[in-house]
Amino acid sequence: MSIRVLYFGELREHIGTQQDELPWLGQPDQAFTVQDLIAELTSRAGHYAEVLTSDSPLKVAVNQNMANLMTPIPDHAEVALFRPVTGG
């Protein structure tokens, strides 16, 4: 039971890794959400808290579908974290 967290762009550079493999932290009677995952990651050592709690918007995809803070994360999910990209 696990979750793969992928970091892209600025997040990958600041955190210093492109992915983490975490144990699935859900409970049978309670959904484990994107918000729960971000709280778990920000409690870690290193640059996680600094990068994930900055004022810059954070985009999230769960199993390649755009998600919000209340989106549940199932066991064996792939969660991608990235900043919005603009072009010109």
N, C-alpha and C. Protein backbone atom coordinates (compact mmCIF):
# COMPACT_ATOMS: atom_id res chain seq x y z
N MET A 1 0.84 -1.16 0.00
CA MET A 1 0.00 0.00 0.00
C MET A 1 0.89 1.23 0.00
N SER A 2 0.78 2.03 -1.07
CA SER A 2 1.66 3.19 -1.17
C SER A 2 1.09 4.23 -2.12
N ILE A 3 1.72 5.40 -2.08
CA ILE A 3 1.39 6.51 -2.96
C ILE A 3 2.70 6.99 -3.57
N ARG A 4 2.70 7.21 -4.87
CA ARG A 4 3.87 7.79 -5.53
C ARG A 4 3.59 9.28 -5.74
N VAL A 5 4.47 10.12 -5.23
CA VAL A 5 4.33 11.57 -5.37
C VAL A 5 5.41 12.05 -6.33
N LEU A 6 4.98 12.70 -7.40
CA LEU A 6 5.90 13.22 -8.41
C LEU A 6 5.97 14.74 -8.29
N TYR A 7 7.19 15.28 -8.37
CA TYR A 7 7.41 16.73 -8.28
C TYR A 7 7.93 17.22 -9.62
N PHE A 8 7.39 18.35 -10.08
CA PHE A 8 7.80 18.90 -11.36
C PHE A 8 8.29 20.33 -11.20
N GLY A 9 9.17 20.74 -12.13
CA GLY A 9 9.64 22.12 -12.20
C GLY A 9 10.32 22.60 -10.93
N GLU A 10 9.88 23.77 -10.48
CA GLU A 10 10.45 24.43 -9.30
C GLU A 10 10.39 23.53 -8.07
N LEU A 11 9.32 22.78 -7.93
CA LEU A 11 9.19 21.90 -6.77
C LEU A 11 10.31 20.86 -6.75
N ARG A 12 10.56 20.24 -7.89
CA ARG A 12 11.62 19.24 -7.98
C ARG A 12 12.98 19.86 -7.65
N GLU A 13 13.23 21.05 -8.16
CA GLU A 13 14.52 21.71 -7.91
C GLU A 13 14.71 22.03 -6.43
N HIS A 14 13.69 22.56 -5.77
CA HIS A 14 13.81 22.96 -4.36
C HIS A 14 13.81 21.77 -3.41
N ILE A 15 12.99 20.78 -3.69
CA ILE A 15 12.92 19.61 -2.80
C ILE A 15 14.14 18.72 -3.00
N GLY A 16 14.64 18.66 -4.22
CA GLY A 16 15.85 17.90 -4.49
C GLY A 16 15.62 16.46 -4.92
N THR A 17 14.39 16.15 -5.28
CA THR A 17 14.08 14.81 -5.80
C THR A 17 12.92 14.92 -6.77
N GLN A 18 12.82 13.96 -7.68
CA GLN A 18 11.70 14.02 -8.62
C GLN A 18 10.50 13.22 -8.13
N GLN A 19 10.69 12.35 -7.13
CA GLN A 19 9.55 11.61 -6.62
C GLN A 19 9.82 11.04 -5.24
N ASP A 20 8.74 10.78 -4.53
CA ASP A 20 8.78 10.09 -3.24
C ASP A 20 7.78 8.95 -3.29
N GLU A 21 8.09 7.90 -2.61
CA GLU A 21 7.18 6.77 -2.44
C GLU A 21 6.80 6.77 -0.96
N LEU A 22 5.52 6.99 -0.69
CA LEU A 22 5.04 7.08 0.69
C LEU A 22 4.08 5.93 0.99
N PRO A 23 4.05 5.48 2.22
CA PRO A 23 3.02 4.51 2.57
C PRO A 23 1.65 5.18 2.46
N TRP A 24 0.66 4.44 2.07
CA TRP A 24 -0.70 4.99 1.99
C TRP A 24 -1.16 5.26 3.40
N LEU A 25 -1.60 6.48 3.67
CA LEU A 25 -1.90 6.91 5.03
C LEU A 25 -3.39 6.98 5.32
N GLY A 26 -4.20 6.44 4.44
CA GLY A 26 -5.65 6.49 4.63
C GLY A 26 -6.13 5.55 5.71
N GLN A 27 -7.33 5.83 6.16
CA GLN A 27 -8.00 5.00 7.15
C GLN A 27 -9.23 4.37 6.50
N PRO A 28 -9.64 3.18 6.93
CA PRO A 28 -10.79 2.53 6.30
C PRO A 28 -12.07 3.37 6.35
N ASP A 29 -12.26 4.15 7.39
CA ASP A 29 -13.51 4.90 7.54
C ASP A 29 -13.38 6.38 7.22
N GLN A 30 -12.23 6.80 6.67
CA GLN A 30 -12.01 8.22 6.42
C GLN A 30 -11.15 8.38 5.17
N ALA A 31 -11.57 9.28 4.27
CA ALA A 31 -10.82 9.52 3.05
C ALA A 31 -9.50 10.21 3.36
N PHE A 32 -8.46 9.84 2.65
CA PHE A 32 -7.16 10.51 2.69
C PHE A 32 -7.14 11.45 1.49
N THR A 33 -7.04 12.76 1.72
CA THR A 33 -7.19 13.75 0.66
C THR A 33 -5.86 14.37 0.26
N VAL A 34 -5.91 15.15 -0.81
CA VAL A 34 -4.75 15.92 -1.24
C VAL A 34 -4.29 16.83 -0.11
N GLN A 35 -5.21 17.45 0.58
CA GLN A 35 -4.87 18.32 1.71
C GLN A 35 -4.11 17.54 2.79
N ASP A 36 -4.53 16.32 3.07
CA ASP A 36 -3.84 15.48 4.05
C ASP A 36 -2.42 15.16 3.58
N LEU A 37 -2.27 14.87 2.29
CA LEU A 37 -0.95 14.57 1.75
C LEU A 37 -0.03 15.77 1.88
N ILE A 38 -0.51 16.96 1.53
CA ILE A 38 0.32 18.16 1.62
C ILE A 38 0.72 18.42 3.07
N ALA A 39 -0.21 18.21 4.00
CA ALA A 39 0.13 18.37 5.42
C ALA A 39 1.21 17.38 5.84
N GLU A 40 1.11 16.15 5.37
CA GLU A 40 2.13 15.14 5.68
C GLU A 40 3.48 15.54 5.11
N LEU A 41 3.50 15.99 3.87
CA LEU A 41 4.76 16.37 3.23
C LEU A 41 5.38 17.60 3.90
N THR A 42 4.57 18.57 4.29
CA THR A 42 5.13 19.78 4.91
C THR A 42 5.70 19.50 6.29
N SER A 43 5.34 18.39 6.90
CA SER A 43 5.90 18.05 8.20
C SER A 43 7.27 17.39 8.09
N ARG A 44 7.71 17.12 6.88
CA ARG A 44 9.00 16.47 6.66
C ARG A 44 10.15 17.47 6.75
N ALA A 45 11.32 16.96 6.96
CA ALA A 45 12.52 17.80 7.00
C ALA A 45 12.85 18.30 5.59
N GLY A 46 13.74 19.23 5.52
CA GLY A 46 14.18 19.74 4.23
C GLY A 46 13.32 20.89 3.75
N HIS A 47 13.23 21.05 2.45
CA HIS A 47 12.57 22.19 1.85
C HIS A 47 11.08 21.95 1.58
N TYR A 48 10.53 20.84 1.99
CA TYR A 48 9.14 20.53 1.70
C TYR A 48 8.19 21.63 2.17
N ALA A 49 8.27 22.00 3.44
CA ALA A 49 7.35 23.00 4.00
C ALA A 49 7.49 24.34 3.28
N GLU A 50 8.71 24.77 3.08
CA GLU A 50 8.97 26.05 2.43
C GLU A 50 8.35 26.11 1.04
N VAL A 51 8.53 25.07 0.26
CA VAL A 51 8.06 25.05 -1.12
C VAL A 51 6.55 24.83 -1.20
N LEU A 52 6.02 23.92 -0.40
CA LEU A 52 4.61 23.56 -0.52
C LEU A 52 3.66 24.55 0.15
N THR A 53 4.17 25.43 1.01
CA THR A 53 3.30 26.40 1.66
C THR A 53 3.56 27.82 1.16
N SER A 54 4.29 27.96 0.08
CA SER A 54 4.55 29.30 -0.46
C SER A 54 3.25 29.89 -1.02
N ASP A 55 3.27 31.18 -1.31
CA ASP A 55 2.09 31.86 -1.85
C ASP A 55 1.80 31.52 -3.30
N SER A 56 2.75 30.93 -3.99
CA SER A 56 2.54 30.55 -5.39
C SER A 56 1.50 29.43 -5.47
N PRO A 57 0.61 29.51 -6.46
CA PRO A 57 -0.41 28.46 -6.59
C PRO A 57 0.23 27.09 -6.82
N LEU A 58 -0.42 26.08 -6.31
CA LEU A 58 0.04 24.70 -6.47
C LEU A 58 -1.04 23.93 -7.22
N LYS A 59 -0.64 23.24 -8.25
CA LYS A 59 -1.56 22.39 -9.00
C LYS A 59 -1.29 20.94 -8.62
N VAL A 60 -2.34 20.13 -8.66
CA VAL A 60 -2.24 18.73 -8.25
C VAL A 60 -3.02 17.88 -9.24
N ALA A 61 -2.46 16.73 -9.58
CA ALA A 61 -3.18 15.73 -10.37
C ALA A 61 -3.08 14.41 -9.63
N VAL A 62 -4.21 13.72 -9.53
CA VAL A 62 -4.26 12.39 -8.92
C VAL A 62 -4.58 11.41 -10.04
N ASN A 63 -3.68 10.48 -10.26
CA ASN A 63 -3.82 9.51 -11.35
C ASN A 63 -4.11 10.21 -12.68
N GLN A 64 -3.38 11.28 -12.94
CA GLN A 64 -3.38 12.06 -14.17
C GLN A 64 -4.69 12.83 -14.41
N ASN A 65 -5.47 13.04 -13.35
CA ASN A 65 -6.67 13.87 -13.42
C ASN A 65 -6.49 15.05 -12.48
N MET A 66 -6.76 16.25 -12.97
CA MET A 66 -6.62 17.44 -12.13
C MET A 66 -7.46 17.28 -10.87
N ALA A 67 -6.90 17.76 -9.76
CA ALA A 67 -7.53 17.55 -8.46
C ALA A 67 -7.52 18.84 -7.65
N ASN A 68 -8.27 18.85 -6.55
CA ASN A 68 -8.25 19.97 -5.62
C ASN A 68 -7.92 19.43 -4.23
N LEU A 69 -7.90 20.29 -3.24
CA LEU A 69 -7.48 19.89 -1.90
C LEU A 69 -8.37 18.80 -1.29
N MET A 70 -9.61 18.74 -1.68
CA MET A 70 -10.53 17.77 -1.09
C MET A 70 -10.62 16.46 -1.87
N THR A 71 -9.88 16.33 -2.95
CA THR A 71 -9.89 15.10 -3.74
C THR A 71 -9.31 13.95 -2.94
N PRO A 72 -10.05 12.84 -2.84
CA PRO A 72 -9.50 11.68 -2.13
C PRO A 72 -8.38 11.03 -2.93
N ILE A 73 -7.41 10.48 -2.22
CA ILE A 73 -6.30 9.78 -2.85
C ILE A 73 -6.44 8.29 -2.53
N PRO A 74 -6.65 7.47 -3.55
CA PRO A 74 -6.76 6.04 -3.29
C PRO A 74 -5.39 5.39 -3.10
N ASP A 75 -5.40 4.21 -2.53
CA ASP A 75 -4.18 3.43 -2.40
C ASP A 75 -3.58 3.21 -3.80
N HIS A 76 -2.28 3.17 -3.89
CA HIS A 76 -1.52 2.96 -5.13
C HIS A 76 -1.69 4.10 -6.13
N ALA A 77 -2.04 5.29 -5.65
CA ALA A 77 -2.23 6.44 -6.54
C ALA A 77 -0.90 7.07 -6.91
N GLU A 78 -0.94 7.78 -8.03
CA GLU A 78 0.18 8.62 -8.44
C GLU A 78 -0.31 10.06 -8.31
N VAL A 79 0.40 10.85 -7.53
CA VAL A 79 0.02 12.25 -7.29
C VAL A 79 1.12 13.14 -7.83
N ALA A 80 0.77 14.04 -8.73
CA ALA A 80 1.74 14.97 -9.31
C ALA A 80 1.51 16.36 -8.72
N LEU A 81 2.60 16.99 -8.30
CA LEU A 81 2.55 18.35 -7.75
C LEU A 81 3.39 19.26 -8.64
N PHE A 82 2.81 20.41 -9.02
CA PHE A 82 3.53 21.32 -9.90
C PHE A 82 2.92 22.72 -9.80
N ARG A 83 3.64 23.70 -10.28
CA ARG A 83 3.16 25.07 -10.36
C ARG A 83 2.54 25.29 -11.75
N PRO A 84 1.56 26.19 -11.84
CA PRO A 84 1.00 26.51 -13.16
C PRO A 84 2.10 27.04 -14.08
N VAL A 85 1.97 26.74 -15.34
CA VAL A 85 2.95 27.17 -16.33
C VAL A 85 2.29 28.19 -17.24
N THR A 86 2.99 29.29 -17.49
CA THR A 86 2.48 30.28 -18.43
C THR A 86 3.43 30.37 -19.60
N GLY A 87 2.92 30.77 -20.69
CA GLY A 87 3.75 30.90 -21.88
C GLY A 87 3.45 32.20 -22.58
N GLY A 88 4.22 32.48 -23.58
CA GLY A 88 3.99 33.73 -24.27
C GLY A 88 4.44 33.65 -25.68
